[in-house]
Structure formats: structure tokens, C-alpha cells
Amino acid sequence: MNFGLDCLATYRNHGVQFDYPDVWTLDEQCDGDVMITVSTEGTCFWALRILPACPSPPDVVNSCVEGFRQEYGDVEVTESDCRLAEMPAFSRELSFECLELLNSAGLHSVRTSEFTLLVWWQGTDHELQPIRRVFDGMTASVRALALLDE
């Protein structure tokens, strides 16, 4: 999947795959859950969390929203449409102020028979504007490998 960039790499592990810019930094942490974070310079990042306990997508997203409210106070939450792993996702987009800068975040979650996935992107609005389409492309490229094999 090309989302406006020439050089993409494909991550394929832990039952998922997705495309990301090959010049960005990818970090993976495993502590029962798996968290894969992709970032570039600045404050913006995109993350995929794999939750093997299979919590419900609304519970996952609503728990994250509550965490944002506890951390930042006044958080504007809007419903959004998104597909994740080729399935309709439970999605919310957030706007909040941090260090006197306007920030945005997206939370998108689906559940498969093997795990629940959460995509979370975040950044300050002035840095996010030029790379938001890249984050959207990365999210659209996520696949659950078990579903590909069927």
C-alpha cells in the first residue's frame, strides 16, 4: 500500500502486519501485551497495541479516553469512522491542550478471535498536519495475519 511515500517497510510479527515509512523509527515492547511504536522527528507517533486478553474495543478506547481526561483535563472527544484490519473499528478522535499547544489523538480498536488491536496516533497539531495522511495510511494497512490466511 503506497500512501504518498516512495520507501515503505512492512512490519510482520505477533500476528499482524502493517506498512510504515522505512526512514522512521520502529520500537517494539513486549510485556504480555505488545506495543509497536513508529515515530519520526518531533512529538508525533503512531502505535499499535496487541492485547491477547481480547477486551472489547469500546472498553479499550473508553479506557484510553478516560486516561486522557485524567492527564489533560478538558478533552474534546468526537466519534470517527475508521477501518482497522479490514474491519469497522470503534474509533474516537481527541483534541486537548498540552504545554499551551493544541494536540490531537486518534484511537481505533477492533477485536479478532486472537486479540484486540488498538491503534493510537498522537501529536501537536502543527507537526501532525503534514503527516496525518501517513498515519491514516499506516492504520489502513494493518492486517491480522490469521484473517489473511482464511
N, C-alpha and C. Protein backbone atom coordinates (compact mmCIF):
# COMPACT_ATOMS: atom_id res chain seq x y z
N MET A 1 0.86 -1.18 0.00
CA MET A 1 0.00 0.00 0.00
C MET A 1 0.90 1.23 0.00
N ASN A 2 0.74 2.10 -0.97
CA ASN A 2 1.53 3.34 -1.02
C ASN A 2 0.63 4.49 -0.60
N PHE A 3 0.95 5.15 0.49
CA PHE A 3 0.14 6.28 0.95
C PHE A 3 0.89 7.58 0.79
N GLY A 4 1.46 7.76 -0.40
CA GLY A 4 2.11 9.01 -0.73
C GLY A 4 3.61 9.02 -0.46
N LEU A 5 4.17 7.88 -0.10
CA LEU A 5 5.60 7.80 0.17
C LEU A 5 6.22 6.75 -0.73
N ASP A 6 7.46 6.96 -1.11
CA ASP A 6 8.13 6.03 -2.01
C ASP A 6 8.76 4.84 -1.29
N CYS A 7 9.24 5.03 -0.09
CA CYS A 7 10.02 4.00 0.59
C CYS A 7 9.28 3.50 1.83
N LEU A 8 8.60 2.37 1.68
CA LEU A 8 7.87 1.79 2.80
C LEU A 8 8.50 0.47 3.21
N ALA A 9 8.42 0.18 4.48
CA ALA A 9 8.82 -1.12 5.01
C ALA A 9 7.55 -1.79 5.51
N THR A 10 7.58 -3.10 5.61
CA THR A 10 6.45 -3.85 6.15
C THR A 10 6.88 -4.52 7.44
N TYR A 11 6.13 -4.24 8.49
CA TYR A 11 6.31 -4.92 9.77
C TYR A 11 5.42 -6.16 9.72
N ARG A 12 5.96 -7.31 10.11
CA ARG A 12 5.18 -8.55 10.11
C ARG A 12 5.65 -9.40 11.29
N ASN A 13 4.87 -9.40 12.37
CA ASN A 13 5.21 -10.16 13.56
C ASN A 13 4.01 -10.14 14.50
N HIS A 14 4.01 -11.04 15.48
CA HIS A 14 2.97 -11.08 16.52
C HIS A 14 1.56 -11.19 15.93
N GLY A 15 1.42 -11.76 14.74
CA GLY A 15 0.11 -11.97 14.14
C GLY A 15 -0.45 -10.78 13.39
N VAL A 16 0.37 -9.74 13.18
CA VAL A 16 -0.10 -8.56 12.45
C VAL A 16 0.94 -8.14 11.41
N GLN A 17 0.48 -7.34 10.48
CA GLN A 17 1.41 -6.67 9.57
C GLN A 17 0.86 -5.29 9.26
N PHE A 18 1.77 -4.37 8.94
CA PHE A 18 1.40 -3.03 8.50
C PHE A 18 2.60 -2.41 7.79
N ASP A 19 2.32 -1.40 7.00
CA ASP A 19 3.36 -0.66 6.29
C ASP A 19 3.67 0.63 7.04
N TYR A 20 4.93 1.05 6.96
CA TYR A 20 5.35 2.30 7.60
C TYR A 20 6.54 2.87 6.82
N PRO A 21 6.78 4.17 6.93
CA PRO A 21 7.93 4.77 6.24
C PRO A 21 9.24 4.15 6.74
N ASP A 22 10.06 3.68 5.82
CA ASP A 22 11.27 2.96 6.23
C ASP A 22 12.33 3.85 6.89
N VAL A 23 12.18 5.16 6.81
CA VAL A 23 13.14 6.06 7.46
C VAL A 23 12.68 6.48 8.86
N TRP A 24 11.49 6.04 9.27
CA TRP A 24 11.01 6.33 10.61
C TRP A 24 11.53 5.27 11.58
N THR A 25 11.47 5.56 12.86
CA THR A 25 11.96 4.67 13.90
C THR A 25 10.83 3.76 14.38
N LEU A 26 11.10 2.46 14.43
CA LEU A 26 10.14 1.49 14.94
C LEU A 26 10.71 0.91 16.23
N ASP A 27 9.87 0.89 17.27
CA ASP A 27 10.25 0.33 18.56
C ASP A 27 9.21 -0.68 18.98
N GLU A 28 9.64 -1.80 19.52
CA GLU A 28 8.71 -2.86 19.92
C GLU A 28 8.97 -3.22 21.38
N GLN A 29 7.88 -3.28 22.16
CA GLN A 29 7.97 -3.68 23.56
C GLN A 29 6.97 -4.79 23.82
N CYS A 30 7.42 -5.82 24.53
CA CYS A 30 6.55 -6.95 24.86
C CYS A 30 6.56 -7.16 26.36
N ASP A 31 5.38 -7.09 26.97
CA ASP A 31 5.25 -7.37 28.40
C ASP A 31 3.92 -8.06 28.65
N GLY A 32 3.64 -9.08 27.88
CA GLY A 32 2.32 -9.71 27.88
C GLY A 32 1.51 -9.15 26.73
N ASP A 33 1.32 -7.84 26.74
CA ASP A 33 0.79 -7.13 25.58
C ASP A 33 1.99 -6.75 24.71
N VAL A 34 1.71 -6.44 23.46
CA VAL A 34 2.77 -5.99 22.56
C VAL A 34 2.45 -4.56 22.15
N MET A 35 3.45 -3.68 22.21
CA MET A 35 3.29 -2.30 21.78
C MET A 35 4.35 -2.01 20.73
N ILE A 36 3.91 -1.65 19.53
CA ILE A 36 4.81 -1.30 18.45
C ILE A 36 4.59 0.18 18.17
N THR A 37 5.64 0.98 18.31
CA THR A 37 5.55 2.42 18.12
C THR A 37 6.41 2.83 16.94
N VAL A 38 5.84 3.67 16.08
CA VAL A 38 6.55 4.20 14.92
C VAL A 38 6.54 5.72 15.05
N SER A 39 7.72 6.34 14.90
CA SER A 39 7.79 7.79 15.08
C SER A 39 8.82 8.39 14.14
N THR A 40 8.71 9.69 14.00
CA THR A 40 9.66 10.47 13.24
C THR A 40 10.10 11.61 14.15
N GLU A 41 10.79 12.58 13.63
CA GLU A 41 11.21 13.71 14.46
C GLU A 41 10.00 14.41 15.05
N GLY A 42 10.18 15.05 16.19
CA GLY A 42 9.09 15.80 16.82
C GLY A 42 8.31 14.96 17.79
N THR A 43 7.07 15.38 18.03
CA THR A 43 6.24 14.77 19.06
C THR A 43 5.25 13.74 18.53
N CYS A 44 5.09 13.65 17.22
CA CYS A 44 4.08 12.76 16.65
C CYS A 44 4.52 11.30 16.71
N PHE A 45 3.57 10.42 16.98
CA PHE A 45 3.84 8.99 16.92
C PHE A 45 2.57 8.24 16.54
N TRP A 46 2.77 7.02 16.07
CA TRP A 46 1.71 6.08 15.74
C TRP A 46 2.05 4.80 16.46
N ALA A 47 1.07 4.18 17.12
CA ALA A 47 1.34 2.96 17.87
C ALA A 47 0.26 1.93 17.62
N LEU A 48 0.68 0.67 17.64
CA LEU A 48 -0.24 -0.45 17.55
C LEU A 48 -0.03 -1.31 18.79
N ARG A 49 -1.10 -1.49 19.53
CA ARG A 49 -1.06 -2.33 20.73
C ARG A 49 -1.85 -3.59 20.46
N ILE A 50 -1.25 -4.73 20.80
CA ILE A 50 -1.88 -6.03 20.62
C ILE A 50 -2.21 -6.56 22.01
N LEU A 51 -3.49 -6.77 22.26
CA LEU A 51 -3.98 -7.18 23.58
C LEU A 51 -4.51 -8.61 23.50
N PRO A 52 -3.72 -9.61 23.92
CA PRO A 52 -4.14 -11.00 23.78
C PRO A 52 -5.34 -11.38 24.66
N ALA A 53 -5.67 -10.59 25.68
CA ALA A 53 -6.82 -10.90 26.54
C ALA A 53 -8.15 -10.61 25.85
N CYS A 54 -8.12 -10.00 24.67
CA CYS A 54 -9.32 -9.74 23.86
C CYS A 54 -10.38 -8.87 24.54
N PRO A 55 -10.01 -7.75 25.19
CA PRO A 55 -11.05 -6.88 25.73
C PRO A 55 -11.88 -6.29 24.60
N SER A 56 -13.07 -5.81 24.93
CA SER A 56 -13.93 -5.25 23.90
C SER A 56 -13.37 -3.91 23.41
N PRO A 57 -13.47 -3.65 22.10
CA PRO A 57 -12.96 -2.37 21.57
C PRO A 57 -13.53 -1.14 22.26
N PRO A 58 -14.84 -1.06 22.55
CA PRO A 58 -15.32 0.13 23.27
C PRO A 58 -14.66 0.28 24.65
N ASP A 59 -14.44 -0.83 25.37
CA ASP A 59 -13.78 -0.75 26.67
C ASP A 59 -12.35 -0.23 26.53
N VAL A 60 -11.63 -0.70 25.52
CA VAL A 60 -10.25 -0.28 25.30
C VAL A 60 -10.19 1.22 25.00
N VAL A 61 -11.00 1.67 24.04
CA VAL A 61 -10.97 3.08 23.65
C VAL A 61 -11.47 3.97 24.78
N ASN A 62 -12.56 3.58 25.43
CA ASN A 62 -13.09 4.42 26.51
C ASN A 62 -12.12 4.51 27.68
N SER A 63 -11.38 3.45 27.96
CA SER A 63 -10.36 3.49 29.00
C SER A 63 -9.25 4.48 28.62
N CYS A 64 -8.86 4.49 27.36
CA CYS A 64 -7.85 5.45 26.89
C CYS A 64 -8.37 6.89 27.00
N VAL A 65 -9.61 7.10 26.59
CA VAL A 65 -10.21 8.44 26.68
C VAL A 65 -10.20 8.91 28.13
N GLU A 66 -10.56 8.04 29.06
CA GLU A 66 -10.55 8.40 30.48
C GLU A 66 -9.14 8.76 30.94
N GLY A 67 -8.14 8.02 30.46
CA GLY A 67 -6.75 8.34 30.79
C GLY A 67 -6.35 9.72 30.29
N PHE A 68 -6.78 10.07 29.07
CA PHE A 68 -6.50 11.41 28.54
C PHE A 68 -7.18 12.47 29.40
N ARG A 69 -8.43 12.22 29.80
CA ARG A 69 -9.14 13.20 30.64
C ARG A 69 -8.45 13.40 31.98
N GLN A 70 -7.95 12.31 32.56
CA GLN A 70 -7.23 12.43 33.83
C GLN A 70 -5.93 13.20 33.65
N GLU A 71 -5.25 13.00 32.54
CA GLU A 71 -3.96 13.64 32.30
C GLU A 71 -4.09 15.10 31.87
N TYR A 72 -5.06 15.40 31.00
CA TYR A 72 -5.13 16.72 30.38
C TYR A 72 -6.37 17.53 30.76
N GLY A 73 -7.30 16.96 31.50
CA GLY A 73 -8.48 17.71 31.92
C GLY A 73 -9.50 17.84 30.81
N ASP A 74 -9.54 18.99 30.18
CA ASP A 74 -10.55 19.28 29.16
C ASP A 74 -10.14 18.63 27.83
N VAL A 75 -10.81 17.54 27.49
CA VAL A 75 -10.54 16.80 26.26
C VAL A 75 -11.81 16.76 25.43
N GLU A 76 -11.73 17.22 24.20
CA GLU A 76 -12.86 17.16 23.28
C GLU A 76 -12.80 15.82 22.56
N VAL A 77 -13.90 15.06 22.60
CA VAL A 77 -13.95 13.72 22.02
C VAL A 77 -15.01 13.70 20.93
N THR A 78 -14.64 13.21 19.76
CA THR A 78 -15.60 13.05 18.66
C THR A 78 -15.53 11.63 18.11
N GLU A 79 -16.68 11.11 17.68
CA GLU A 79 -16.71 9.81 17.02
C GLU A 79 -16.08 9.97 15.64
N SER A 80 -15.43 8.92 15.18
CA SER A 80 -14.87 8.94 13.84
C SER A 80 -15.08 7.59 13.18
N ASP A 81 -15.03 7.58 11.87
CA ASP A 81 -15.15 6.34 11.11
C ASP A 81 -13.76 5.88 10.72
N CYS A 82 -13.50 4.62 10.93
CA CYS A 82 -12.18 4.07 10.59
C CYS A 82 -12.33 2.57 10.41
N ARG A 83 -11.51 2.02 9.54
CA ARG A 83 -11.40 0.58 9.40
C ARG A 83 -10.01 0.19 9.89
N LEU A 84 -9.96 -0.91 10.60
CA LEU A 84 -8.70 -1.42 11.13
C LEU A 84 -8.70 -2.92 10.89
N ALA A 85 -7.64 -3.43 10.31
CA ALA A 85 -7.55 -4.86 9.97
C ALA A 85 -8.75 -5.26 9.10
N GLU A 86 -9.13 -4.37 8.22
CA GLU A 86 -10.23 -4.54 7.27
C GLU A 86 -11.59 -4.73 7.93
N MET A 87 -11.73 -4.26 9.17
CA MET A 87 -13.00 -4.34 9.89
C MET A 87 -13.38 -2.95 10.40
N PRO A 88 -14.68 -2.68 10.53
CA PRO A 88 -15.08 -1.40 11.13
C PRO A 88 -14.56 -1.32 12.56
N ALA A 89 -13.93 -0.21 12.88
CA ALA A 89 -13.32 -0.04 14.19
C ALA A 89 -14.17 0.85 15.09
N PHE A 90 -14.06 0.63 16.38
CA PHE A 90 -14.61 1.56 17.36
C PHE A 90 -13.57 2.67 17.47
N SER A 91 -13.96 3.90 17.10
CA SER A 91 -12.96 4.97 16.95
C SER A 91 -13.42 6.27 17.59
N ARG A 92 -12.44 6.96 18.15
CA ARG A 92 -12.63 8.30 18.68
C ARG A 92 -11.42 9.15 18.32
N GLU A 93 -11.67 10.43 18.07
CA GLU A 93 -10.58 11.39 17.89
C GLU A 93 -10.68 12.41 19.01
N LEU A 94 -9.53 12.81 19.52
CA LEU A 94 -9.46 13.69 20.68
C LEU A 94 -8.71 14.96 20.33
N SER A 95 -9.11 16.04 20.96
CA SER A 95 -8.38 17.30 20.91
C SER A 95 -8.17 17.75 22.35
N PHE A 96 -6.95 18.21 22.65
CA PHE A 96 -6.64 18.65 24.01
C PHE A 96 -5.45 19.58 23.97
N GLU A 97 -5.30 20.33 25.04
CA GLU A 97 -4.19 21.27 25.15
C GLU A 97 -3.14 20.71 26.09
N CYS A 98 -1.87 20.81 25.66
CA CYS A 98 -0.75 20.38 26.48
C CYS A 98 0.40 21.36 26.25
N LEU A 99 0.94 21.91 27.32
CA LEU A 99 2.02 22.90 27.22
C LEU A 99 1.65 24.04 26.28
N GLU A 100 0.39 24.47 26.39
CA GLU A 100 -0.16 25.57 25.61
C GLU A 100 -0.20 25.30 24.11
N LEU A 101 -0.09 24.04 23.70
CA LEU A 101 -0.19 23.66 22.30
C LEU A 101 -1.43 22.78 22.12
N LEU A 102 -2.10 22.95 20.97
CA LEU A 102 -3.24 22.11 20.64
C LEU A 102 -2.73 20.78 20.12
N ASN A 103 -3.25 19.70 20.66
CA ASN A 103 -2.85 18.35 20.29
C ASN A 103 -4.06 17.56 19.83
N SER A 104 -3.81 16.55 19.02
CA SER A 104 -4.86 15.64 18.58
C SER A 104 -4.37 14.22 18.74
N ALA A 105 -5.33 13.32 18.92
CA ALA A 105 -5.03 11.90 19.03
C ALA A 105 -6.17 11.12 18.39
N GLY A 106 -5.85 9.97 17.87
CA GLY A 106 -6.85 9.05 17.33
C GLY A 106 -6.73 7.72 18.02
N LEU A 107 -7.87 7.12 18.35
CA LEU A 107 -7.92 5.81 19.00
C LEU A 107 -8.86 4.93 18.19
N HIS A 108 -8.36 3.80 17.71
CA HIS A 108 -9.15 2.90 16.85
C HIS A 108 -8.91 1.47 17.33
N SER A 109 -10.00 0.73 17.54
CA SER A 109 -9.85 -0.62 18.09
C SER A 109 -10.81 -1.61 17.43
N VAL A 110 -10.31 -2.83 17.22
CA VAL A 110 -11.11 -3.96 16.74
C VAL A 110 -10.68 -5.20 17.52
N ARG A 111 -11.56 -6.20 17.50
CA ARG A 111 -11.23 -7.47 18.14
C ARG A 111 -11.31 -8.58 17.11
N THR A 112 -10.29 -9.43 17.08
CA THR A 112 -10.30 -10.63 16.25
C THR A 112 -10.49 -11.82 17.19
N SER A 113 -10.45 -13.02 16.66
CA SER A 113 -10.57 -14.20 17.52
C SER A 113 -9.31 -14.42 18.35
N GLU A 114 -8.19 -13.77 17.99
CA GLU A 114 -6.92 -14.00 18.69
C GLU A 114 -6.52 -12.88 19.63
N PHE A 115 -6.94 -11.64 19.35
CA PHE A 115 -6.52 -10.49 20.15
C PHE A 115 -7.37 -9.28 19.81
N THR A 116 -7.23 -8.25 20.63
CA THR A 116 -7.81 -6.95 20.32
C THR A 116 -6.66 -6.04 19.89
N LEU A 117 -6.91 -5.25 18.86
CA LEU A 117 -5.92 -4.30 18.37
C LEU A 117 -6.35 -2.89 18.73
N LEU A 118 -5.38 -2.07 19.11
CA LEU A 118 -5.61 -0.66 19.34
C LEU A 118 -4.56 0.12 18.56
N VAL A 119 -5.02 0.97 17.65
CA VAL A 119 -4.12 1.94 17.01
C VAL A 119 -4.34 3.26 17.71
N TRP A 120 -3.21 3.90 18.06
CA TRP A 120 -3.23 5.18 18.75
C TRP A 120 -2.21 6.06 18.08
N TRP A 121 -2.66 7.16 17.49
CA TRP A 121 -1.72 8.16 16.96
C TRP A 121 -1.92 9.45 17.72
N GLN A 122 -0.87 10.25 17.80
CA GLN A 122 -0.95 11.48 18.58
C GLN A 122 0.13 12.45 18.14
N GLY A 123 -0.16 13.74 18.28
CA GLY A 123 0.84 14.76 18.03
C GLY A 123 0.29 16.16 18.18
N THR A 124 1.20 17.13 18.24
CA THR A 124 0.76 18.52 18.24
C THR A 124 0.23 18.83 16.85
N ASP A 125 -0.80 19.66 16.80
CA ASP A 125 -1.48 19.89 15.52
C ASP A 125 -0.56 20.44 14.45
N HIS A 126 0.37 21.35 14.79
CA HIS A 126 1.23 21.92 13.75
C HIS A 126 2.21 20.88 13.20
N GLU A 127 2.64 19.90 13.99
CA GLU A 127 3.50 18.83 13.49
C GLU A 127 2.69 17.73 12.82
N LEU A 128 1.48 17.52 13.30
CA LEU A 128 0.64 16.44 12.81
C LEU A 128 0.10 16.70 11.41
N GLN A 129 -0.15 17.96 11.10
CA GLN A 129 -0.80 18.29 9.83
C GLN A 129 -0.12 17.65 8.61
N PRO A 130 1.19 17.76 8.44
CA PRO A 130 1.78 17.18 7.23
C PRO A 130 1.90 15.65 7.25
N ILE A 131 1.79 15.01 8.42
CA ILE A 131 1.95 13.55 8.44
C ILE A 131 0.68 12.79 8.81
N ARG A 132 -0.41 13.48 8.99
CA ARG A 132 -1.66 12.80 9.33
C ARG A 132 -2.05 11.78 8.25
N ARG A 133 -1.85 12.11 6.99
CA ARG A 133 -2.20 11.16 5.92
C ARG A 133 -1.34 9.91 5.99
N VAL A 134 -0.10 10.05 6.46
CA VAL A 134 0.77 8.89 6.64
C VAL A 134 0.21 8.00 7.75
N PHE A 135 -0.19 8.60 8.87
CA PHE A 135 -0.79 7.84 9.96
C PHE A 135 -2.06 7.12 9.49
N ASP A 136 -2.89 7.82 8.70
CA ASP A 136 -4.10 7.20 8.18
C ASP A 136 -3.76 6.02 7.27
N GLY A 137 -2.72 6.18 6.45
CA GLY A 137 -2.29 5.09 5.57
C GLY A 137 -1.74 3.90 6.35
N MET A 138 -1.00 4.18 7.40
CA MET A 138 -0.48 3.11 8.24
C MET A 138 -1.63 2.34 8.88
N THR A 139 -2.60 3.08 9.40
CA THR A 139 -3.76 2.45 10.03
C THR A 139 -4.52 1.58 9.02
N ALA A 140 -4.71 2.11 7.82
CA ALA A 140 -5.43 1.37 6.77
C ALA A 140 -4.66 0.11 6.34
N SER A 141 -3.35 0.11 6.52
CA SER A 141 -2.55 -1.04 6.07
C SER A 141 -2.49 -2.18 7.09
N VAL A 142 -2.99 -1.98 8.31
CA VAL A 142 -2.92 -3.02 9.34
C VAL A 142 -3.76 -4.22 8.93
N ARG A 143 -3.16 -5.39 9.08
CA ARG A 143 -3.86 -6.66 8.80
C ARG A 143 -3.57 -7.64 9.92
N ALA A 144 -4.58 -8.43 10.26
CA ALA A 144 -4.40 -9.55 11.18
C ALA A 144 -4.04 -10.76 10.32
N LEU A 145 -2.88 -11.34 10.55
CA LEU A 145 -2.38 -12.40 9.68
C LEU A 145 -3.32 -13.61 9.65
N ALA A 146 -3.96 -13.95 10.76
CA ALA A 146 -4.88 -15.09 10.79
C ALA A 146 -6.04 -14.86 9.83
N LEU A 147 -6.48 -13.61 9.69
CA LEU A 147 -7.58 -13.31 8.77
C LEU A 147 -7.11 -13.37 7.32
N LEU A 148 -5.84 -13.10 7.07
CA LEU A 148 -5.30 -13.20 5.71
C LEU A 148 -5.21 -14.64 5.26
N ASP A 149 -4.96 -15.55 6.20
CA ASP A 149 -4.79 -16.95 5.86
C ASP A 149 -6.11 -17.66 5.59
N GLU A 150 -7.23 -17.07 6.02
CA GLU A 150 -8.54 -17.72 5.84
C GLU A 150 -9.01 -17.66 4.42
